[in-house]
């Protein structure tokens, strides 16, 4: 028998309930809204790679909450998440975000949005394999917050490069950690299997304390001890 404490407390997320959530979060500004709509229009088959709308205000909140000055993003796409975080950073040169991606086409839209929002001087775009970019960063702990939203098979490798470079109390935020529900399928392959392995890796890492949340497609918040 299911005890009251073990019952699923989640309501069904209808379209109306999701809109209610968005309506009660900080609203997107005009540049963020334009970027969301432009991404959906220009890249309809890839638009699902964009962070969910509620994640923009959340990422900005986390940047402000920990007083972040040095942020690294692994997987920029068209720039919604980097825009949200950059807007929450202190002005340059105190605030800096390194955005890692492999696509000049996608990130061209990101650069345009950063310019429109007046935060381009806070963002350094690095095109190329993210693992190479991370390995080229200083090895001492200096990163305040890192956002992971790239190829899922690379998550563990990215994590292992980021954790030593994260300052005590710094955060790693990892997106898509439920991978459309595939993490509970033992037969999952490709991205689903990679995320299962990543979640187990995070849970076993004594250097970090982490919580996995049912935000969007799953979001892990991990703090360095």
C-alpha atoms as a PDB file:
ATOM      1  CA  UNK A   1       0.000   0.000   0.000  1.00  0.00           C
ATOM      2  CA  UNK A   2       1.236   3.490  -0.837  1.00  0.00           C
ATOM      3  CA  UNK A   3       1.793   5.627   2.232  1.00  0.00           C
ATOM      4  CA  UNK A   4       0.900   9.340   2.164  1.00  0.00           C
ATOM      5  CA  UNK A   5       4.586  10.258   2.271  1.00  0.00           C
ATOM      6  CA  UNK A   6       5.320   8.115  -0.777  1.00  0.00           C
ATOM      7  CA  UNK A   7       2.511   9.417  -2.982  1.00  0.00           C
ATOM      8  CA  UNK A   8       3.383  11.255  -6.147  1.00  0.00           C
ATOM      9  CA  UNK A   9       2.665  14.907  -5.393  1.00  0.00           C
ATOM     10  CA  UNK A  10       3.178  16.144  -8.944  1.00  0.00           C
ATOM     11  CA  UNK A  11       0.134  17.547 -10.718  1.00  0.00           C
ATOM     12  CA  UNK A  12      -0.379  16.678 -14.363  1.00  0.00           C
ATOM     13  CA  UNK A  13       1.357  19.405 -16.313  1.00  0.00           C
ATOM     14  CA  UNK A  14      -1.311  20.610 -18.675  1.00  0.00           C
ATOM     15  CA  UNK A  15      -0.693  23.426 -21.126  1.00  0.00           C
ATOM     16  CA  UNK A  16      -2.688  25.694 -18.814  1.00  0.00           C
ATOM     17  CA  UNK A  17      -0.572  24.752 -15.795  1.00  0.00           C
ATOM     18  CA  UNK A  18       2.664  25.272 -17.702  1.00  0.00           C
ATOM     19  CA  UNK A  19       1.496  28.702 -18.801  1.00  0.00           C
ATOM     20  CA  UNK A  20       0.635  29.457 -15.169  1.00  0.00           C
ATOM     21  CA  UNK A  21       4.241  28.628 -14.225  1.00  0.00           C
ATOM     22  CA  UNK A  22       5.589  30.935 -16.924  1.00  0.00           C
ATOM     23  CA  UNK A  23       3.188  33.687 -15.886  1.00  0.00           C
ATOM     24  CA  UNK A  24       4.440  33.525 -12.299  1.00  0.00           C
ATOM     25  CA  UNK A  25       8.136  33.533 -13.158  1.00  0.00           C
ATOM     26  CA  UNK A  26      10.106  36.632 -14.137  1.00  0.00           C
ATOM     27  CA  UNK A  27       8.988  37.467 -17.689  1.00  0.00           C
ATOM     28  CA  UNK A  28      11.358  37.173 -20.609  1.00  0.00           C
ATOM     29  CA  UNK A  29      12.522  40.520 -21.910  1.00  0.00           C
ATOM     30  CA  UNK A  30      12.101  41.531 -25.540  1.00  0.00           C
ATOM     31  CA  UNK A  31      15.492  40.183 -26.644  1.00  0.00           C
ATOM     32  CA  UNK A  32      14.952  36.826 -24.934  1.00  0.00           C
ATOM     33  CA  UNK A  33      11.428  36.535 -26.344  1.00  0.00           C
ATOM     34  CA  UNK A  34      12.595  37.400 -29.849  1.00  0.00           C
ATOM     35  CA  UNK A  35      15.387  34.821 -29.623  1.00  0.00           C
ATOM     36  CA  UNK A  36      13.013  32.064 -28.473  1.00  0.00           C
ATOM     37  CA  UNK A  37      10.603  32.799 -31.311  1.00  0.00           C
ATOM     38  CA  UNK A  38      13.370  33.178 -33.895  1.00  0.00           C
ATOM     39  CA  UNK A  39      14.915  29.838 -32.905  1.00  0.00           C
ATOM     40  CA  UNK A  40      11.590  28.067 -33.212  1.00  0.00           C
ATOM     41  CA  UNK A  41      10.987  29.638 -36.622  1.00  0.00           C
ATOM     42  CA  UNK A  42      14.467  29.168 -38.111  1.00  0.00           C
ATOM     43  CA  UNK A  43      15.320  25.770 -36.629  1.00  0.00           C
ATOM     44  CA  UNK A  44      11.988  23.951 -36.108  1.00  0.00           C
ATOM     45  CA  UNK A  45      13.650  20.528 -36.103  1.00  0.00           C
ATOM     46  CA  UNK A  46      16.356  21.565 -33.610  1.00  0.00           C
ATOM     47  CA  UNK A  47      14.434  24.050 -31.457  1.00  0.00           C
ATOM     48  CA  UNK A  48      14.084  21.411 -28.740  1.00  0.00           C
ATOM     49  CA  UNK A  49      17.783  21.937 -28.051  1.00  0.00           C
ATOM     50  CA  UNK A  50      16.977  25.359 -26.642  1.00  0.00           C
ATOM     51  CA  UNK A  51      16.706  25.498 -22.856  1.00  0.00           C
ATOM     52  CA  UNK A  52      13.113  25.664 -21.650  1.00  0.00           C
ATOM     53  CA  UNK A  53      11.685  29.135 -21.111  1.00  0.00           C
ATOM     54  CA  UNK A  54      11.495  28.727 -17.332  1.00  0.00           C
ATOM     55  CA  UNK A  55      15.177  27.810 -17.233  1.00  0.00           C
ATOM     56  CA  UNK A  56      16.290  31.264 -18.358  1.00  0.00           C
ATOM     57  CA  UNK A  57      15.030  33.032 -15.217  1.00  0.00           C
ATOM     58  CA  UNK A  58      16.259  30.125 -13.084  1.00  0.00           C
ATOM     59  CA  UNK A  59      19.795  30.313 -14.457  1.00  0.00           C
ATOM     60  CA  UNK A  60      19.844  34.068 -13.947  1.00  0.00           C
ATOM     61  CA  UNK A  61      18.581  33.566 -10.383  1.00  0.00           C
ATOM     62  CA  UNK A  62      21.383  31.086  -9.664  1.00  0.00           C
ATOM     63  CA  UNK A  63      24.027  33.443 -11.073  1.00  0.00           C
ATOM     64  CA  UNK A  64      22.804  36.199  -8.759  1.00  0.00           C
ATOM     65  CA  UNK A  65      22.277  33.857  -5.816  1.00  0.00           C
ATOM     66  CA  UNK A  66      25.917  32.771  -5.647  1.00  0.00           C
ATOM     67  CA  UNK A  67      27.351  36.068  -6.843  1.00  0.00           C
ATOM     68  CA  UNK A  68      28.877  34.414  -9.880  1.00  0.00           C
ATOM     69  CA  UNK A  69      31.487  36.284 -11.897  1.00  0.00           C
ATOM     70  CA  UNK A  70      33.016  33.469 -13.947  1.00  0.00           C
ATOM     71  CA  UNK A  71      30.584  31.236 -15.839  1.00  0.00           C
ATOM     72  CA  UNK A  72      31.211  28.492 -18.384  1.00  0.00           C
ATOM     73  CA  UNK A  73      28.531  27.172 -20.695  1.00  0.00           C
ATOM     74  CA  UNK A  74      28.992  23.895 -22.555  1.00  0.00           C
ATOM     75  CA  UNK A  75      26.519  23.933 -25.436  1.00  0.00           C
ATOM     76  CA  UNK A  76      25.285  27.359 -26.496  1.00  0.00           C
ATOM     77  CA  UNK A  77      23.034  26.674 -29.528  1.00  0.00           C
ATOM     78  CA  UNK A  78      21.306  29.994 -30.363  1.00  0.00           C
ATOM     79  CA  UNK A  79      22.141  31.564 -27.026  1.00  0.00           C
ATOM     80  CA  UNK A  80      19.031  31.697 -24.836  1.00  0.00           C
ATOM     81  CA  UNK A  81      20.700  30.289 -21.722  1.00  0.00           C
ATOM     82  CA  UNK A  82      23.946  32.232 -22.168  1.00  0.00           C
ATOM     83  CA  UNK A  83      21.965  35.427 -22.724  1.00  0.00           C
ATOM     84  CA  UNK A  84      20.010  34.840 -19.511  1.00  0.00           C
ATOM     85  CA  UNK A  85      23.146  34.204 -17.471  1.00  0.00           C
ATOM     86  CA  UNK A  86      25.145  37.049 -19.012  1.00  0.00           C
ATOM     87  CA  UNK A  87      22.381  39.504 -18.161  1.00  0.00           C
ATOM     88  CA  UNK A  88      22.692  38.453 -14.505  1.00  0.00           C
ATOM     89  CA  UNK A  89      26.475  38.831 -14.377  1.00  0.00           C
ATOM     90  CA  UNK A  90      28.257  41.988 -13.250  1.00  0.00           C
ATOM     91  CA  UNK A  91      29.396  44.245 -16.110  1.00  0.00           C
ATOM     92  CA  UNK A  92      32.649  43.341 -17.850  1.00  0.00           C
ATOM     93  CA  UNK A  93      35.440  42.895 -17.011  1.00  0.00           C
ATOM     94  CA  UNK A  94      34.202  41.616 -13.641  1.00  0.00           C
ATOM     95  CA  UNK A  95      31.604  39.361 -15.238  1.00  0.00           C
ATOM     96  CA  UNK A  96      32.682  36.834 -17.855  1.00  0.00           C
ATOM     97  CA  UNK A  97      30.931  33.917 -19.557  1.00  0.00           C
ATOM     98  CA  UNK A  98      32.789  31.487 -21.794  1.00  0.00           C
ATOM     99  CA  UNK A  99      30.349  29.939 -24.273  1.00  0.00           C
ATOM    100  CA  UNK A 100      31.418  26.682 -25.906  1.00  0.00           C
ATOM    101  CA  UNK A 101      29.849  25.376 -29.108  1.00  0.00           C
ATOM    102  CA  UNK A 102      30.780  23.775 -32.426  1.00  0.00           C
ATOM    103  CA  UNK A 103      28.355  25.612 -34.706  1.00  0.00           C
ATOM    104  CA  UNK A 104      29.060  29.025 -36.171  1.00  0.00           C
ATOM    105  CA  UNK A 105      25.601  28.991 -37.768  1.00  0.00           C
ATOM    106  CA  UNK A 106      23.677  28.563 -34.519  1.00  0.00           C
ATOM    107  CA  UNK A 107      25.881  30.848 -32.457  1.00  0.00           C
ATOM    108  CA  UNK A 108      25.562  33.665 -34.988  1.00  0.00           C
ATOM    109  CA  UNK A 109      22.051  34.150 -33.595  1.00  0.00           C
ATOM    110  CA  UNK A 110      23.457  34.060 -30.081  1.00  0.00           C
ATOM    111  CA  UNK A 111      25.982  36.772 -30.881  1.00  0.00           C
ATOM    112  CA  UNK A 112      23.278  38.970 -32.361  1.00  0.00           C
ATOM    113  CA  UNK A 113      21.155  38.556 -29.215  1.00  0.00           C
ATOM    114  CA  UNK A 114      24.101  39.323 -26.905  1.00  0.00           C
ATOM    115  CA  UNK A 115      24.721  42.520 -28.861  1.00  0.00           C
ATOM    116  CA  UNK A 116      21.062  43.565 -28.730  1.00  0.00           C
ATOM    117  CA  UNK A 117      20.964  42.984 -24.969  1.00  0.00           C
ATOM    118  CA  UNK A 118      24.179  44.920 -24.392  1.00  0.00           C
ATOM    119  CA  UNK A 119      26.053  41.986 -22.854  1.00  0.00           C
ATOM    120  CA  UNK A 120      28.346  40.954 -25.723  1.00  0.00           C
ATOM    121  CA  UNK A 121      31.382  42.231 -23.814  1.00  0.00           C
ATOM    122  CA  UNK A 122      30.632  39.740 -21.040  1.00  0.00           C
ATOM    123  CA  UNK A 123      30.574  36.702 -23.367  1.00  0.00           C
ATOM    124  CA  UNK A 124      33.542  35.010 -25.018  1.00  0.00           C
ATOM    125  CA  UNK A 125      32.442  32.531 -27.676  1.00  0.00           C
ATOM    126  CA  UNK A 126      34.816  29.642 -28.312  1.00  0.00           C
ATOM    127  CA  UNK A 127      34.044  27.526 -31.369  1.00  0.00           C
ATOM    128  CA  UNK A 128      35.468  24.010 -31.306  1.00  0.00           C
ATOM    129  CA  UNK A 129      35.237  20.793 -29.301  1.00  0.00           C
ATOM    130  CA  UNK A 130      34.185  21.792 -25.784  1.00  0.00           C
ATOM    131  CA  UNK A 131      36.542  19.297 -24.187  1.00  0.00           C
ATOM    132  CA  UNK A 132      39.500  21.047 -25.812  1.00  0.00           C
ATOM    133  CA  UNK A 133      38.208  24.418 -24.619  1.00  0.00           C
ATOM    134  CA  UNK A 134      37.771  23.184 -21.048  1.00  0.00           C
ATOM    135  CA  UNK A 135      41.203  21.585 -20.956  1.00  0.00           C
ATOM    136  CA  UNK A 136      42.742  24.884 -22.070  1.00  0.00           C
ATOM    137  CA  UNK A 137      41.238  26.762 -19.109  1.00  0.00           C
ATOM    138  CA  UNK A 138      43.388  27.510 -16.028  1.00  0.00           C
ATOM    139  CA  UNK A 139      43.519  24.471 -13.790  1.00  0.00           C
ATOM    140  CA  UNK A 140      43.052  26.266 -10.469  1.00  0.00           C
ATOM    141  CA  UNK A 141      39.531  26.565  -8.995  1.00  0.00           C
ATOM    142  CA  UNK A 142      38.088  29.737 -10.517  1.00  0.00           C
ATOM    143  CA  UNK A 143      34.711  28.908 -12.096  1.00  0.00           C
ATOM    144  CA  UNK A 144      31.633  29.996 -10.133  1.00  0.00           C
ATOM    145  CA  UNK A 145      28.969  28.312 -12.264  1.00  0.00           C
ATOM    146  CA  UNK A 146      28.974  25.933 -15.219  1.00  0.00           C
ATOM    147  CA  UNK A 147      25.974  25.000 -17.341  1.00  0.00           C
ATOM    148  CA  UNK A 148      26.018  21.674 -19.194  1.00  0.00           C
ATOM    149  CA  UNK A 149      23.664  21.361 -22.159  1.00  0.00           C
ATOM    150  CA  UNK A 150      25.584  19.671 -24.952  1.00  0.00           C
ATOM    151  CA  UNK A 151      26.170  16.184 -26.347  1.00  0.00           C
ATOM    152  CA  UNK A 152      25.120  13.737 -23.667  1.00  0.00           C
ATOM    153  CA  UNK A 153      27.916  11.250 -24.299  1.00  0.00           C
ATOM    154  CA  UNK A 154      30.373  13.963 -23.339  1.00  0.00           C
ATOM    155  CA  UNK A 155      28.787  14.872 -20.006  1.00  0.00           C
ATOM    156  CA  UNK A 156      31.072  12.782 -17.790  1.00  0.00           C
ATOM    157  CA  UNK A 157      34.200  14.061 -19.526  1.00  0.00           C
ATOM    158  CA  UNK A 158      32.975  17.662 -19.225  1.00  0.00           C
ATOM    159  CA  UNK A 159      32.146  17.095 -15.565  1.00  0.00           C
ATOM    160  CA  UNK A 160      35.624  15.774 -14.861  1.00  0.00           C
ATOM    161  CA  UNK A 161      37.232  18.836 -16.439  1.00  0.00           C
ATOM    162  CA  UNK A 162      34.895  21.262 -14.674  1.00  0.00           C
ATOM    163  CA  UNK A 163      34.858  19.951 -11.100  1.00  0.00           C
ATOM    164  CA  UNK A 164      38.563  20.635 -10.350  1.00  0.00           C
ATOM    165  CA  UNK A 165      38.198  24.120 -11.865  1.00  0.00           C
ATOM    166  CA  UNK A 166      35.086  24.920  -9.820  1.00  0.00           C
ATOM    167  CA  UNK A 167      35.628  27.030  -6.714  1.00  0.00           C
ATOM    168  CA  UNK A 168      34.278  25.720  -3.391  1.00  0.00           C
ATOM    169  CA  UNK A 169      30.583  26.508  -3.247  1.00  0.00           C
ATOM    170  CA  UNK A 170      30.418  26.808  -7.043  1.00  0.00           C
ATOM    171  CA  UNK A 171      27.665  25.159  -9.059  1.00  0.00           C
ATOM    172  CA  UNK A 172      27.367  22.839 -12.009  1.00  0.00           C
ATOM    173  CA  UNK A 173      23.913  22.858 -13.579  1.00  0.00           C
ATOM    174  CA  UNK A 174      23.254  19.949 -15.955  1.00  0.00           C
ATOM    175  CA  UNK A 175      20.279  19.883 -18.297  1.00  0.00           C
ATOM    176  CA  UNK A 176      18.319  16.949 -19.776  1.00  0.00           C
ATOM    177  CA  UNK A 177      19.168  14.582 -16.919  1.00  0.00           C
ATOM    178  CA  UNK A 178      15.867  12.734 -17.347  1.00  0.00           C
ATOM    179  CA  UNK A 179      16.350  12.479 -21.120  1.00  0.00           C
ATOM    180  CA  UNK A 180      12.686  12.276 -22.036  1.00  0.00           C
ATOM    181  CA  UNK A 181      12.200   9.558 -19.415  1.00  0.00           C
ATOM    182  CA  UNK A 182      14.718   7.201 -20.987  1.00  0.00           C
ATOM    183  CA  UNK A 183      16.822   7.141 -17.810  1.00  0.00           C
ATOM    184  CA  UNK A 184      14.428   4.616 -16.265  1.00  0.00           C
ATOM    185  CA  UNK A 185      14.642   2.312 -19.299  1.00  0.00           C
ATOM    186  CA  UNK A 186      17.428  -0.233 -18.768  1.00  0.00           C
ATOM    187  CA  UNK A 187      17.403  -0.861 -22.515  1.00  0.00           C
ATOM    188  CA  UNK A 188      18.029   2.810 -23.331  1.00  0.00           C
ATOM    189  CA  UNK A 189      20.812   3.450 -25.790  1.00  0.00           C
ATOM    190  CA  UNK A 190      22.724   6.483 -27.070  1.00  0.00           C
ATOM    191  CA  UNK A 191      21.775   9.635 -25.150  1.00  0.00           C
ATOM    192  CA  UNK A 192      19.556   7.837 -22.662  1.00  0.00           C
ATOM    193  CA  UNK A 193      22.295   5.403 -21.685  1.00  0.00           C
ATOM    194  CA  UNK A 194      24.848   8.214 -21.491  1.00  0.00           C
ATOM    195  CA  UNK A 195      22.670  10.231 -19.147  1.00  0.00           C
ATOM    196  CA  UNK A 196      22.014   7.179 -16.941  1.00  0.00           C
ATOM    197  CA  UNK A 197      25.778   6.767 -16.605  1.00  0.00           C
ATOM    198  CA  UNK A 198      26.235  10.487 -15.952  1.00  0.00           C
ATOM    199  CA  UNK A 199      23.582  10.558 -13.214  1.00  0.00           C
ATOM    200  CA  UNK A 200      25.242   7.597 -11.489  1.00  0.00           C
ATOM    201  CA  UNK A 201      28.622   9.303 -11.808  1.00  0.00           C
ATOM    202  CA  UNK A 202      27.310  12.501 -10.208  1.00  0.00           C
ATOM    203  CA  UNK A 203      25.610  10.639  -7.368  1.00  0.00           C
ATOM    204  CA  UNK A 204      28.870   8.852  -6.535  1.00  0.00           C
ATOM    205  CA  UNK A 205      31.109  11.943  -6.644  1.00  0.00           C
ATOM    206  CA  UNK A 206      32.092  12.803  -3.066  1.00  0.00           C
ATOM    207  CA  UNK A 207      33.529  16.149  -4.190  1.00  0.00           C
ATOM    208  CA  UNK A 208      30.030  17.439  -4.917  1.00  0.00           C
ATOM    209  CA  UNK A 209      26.577  17.486  -3.371  1.00  0.00           C
ATOM    210  CA  UNK A 210      23.791  17.264  -5.919  1.00  0.00           C
ATOM    211  CA  UNK A 211      20.033  17.268  -6.329  1.00  0.00           C
ATOM    212  CA  UNK A 212      18.152  16.099  -9.395  1.00  0.00           C
ATOM    213  CA  UNK A 213      14.996  18.101 -10.089  1.00  0.00           C
ATOM    214  CA  UNK A 214      12.049  17.553 -12.417  1.00  0.00           C
ATOM    215  CA  UNK A 215      12.477  20.931 -14.101  1.00  0.00           C
ATOM    216  CA  UNK A 216      11.828  20.733 -17.850  1.00  0.00           C
ATOM    217  CA  UNK A 217      13.630  17.561 -19.049  1.00  0.00           C
ATOM    218  CA  UNK A 218      15.382  17.181 -15.708  1.00  0.00           C
ATOM    219  CA  UNK A 219      17.925  19.498 -14.138  1.00  0.00           C
ATOM    220  CA  UNK A 220      20.739  18.607 -11.757  1.00  0.00           C
ATOM    221  CA  UNK A 221      22.142  21.245  -9.424  1.00  0.00           C
ATOM    222  CA  UNK A 222      25.520  20.231  -8.001  1.00  0.00           C
ATOM    223  CA  UNK A 223      27.535  22.251  -5.488  1.00  0.00           C
ATOM    224  CA  UNK A 224      31.231  21.770  -4.835  1.00  0.00           C
ATOM    225  CA  UNK A 225      31.920  20.929  -1.217  1.00  0.00           C
END
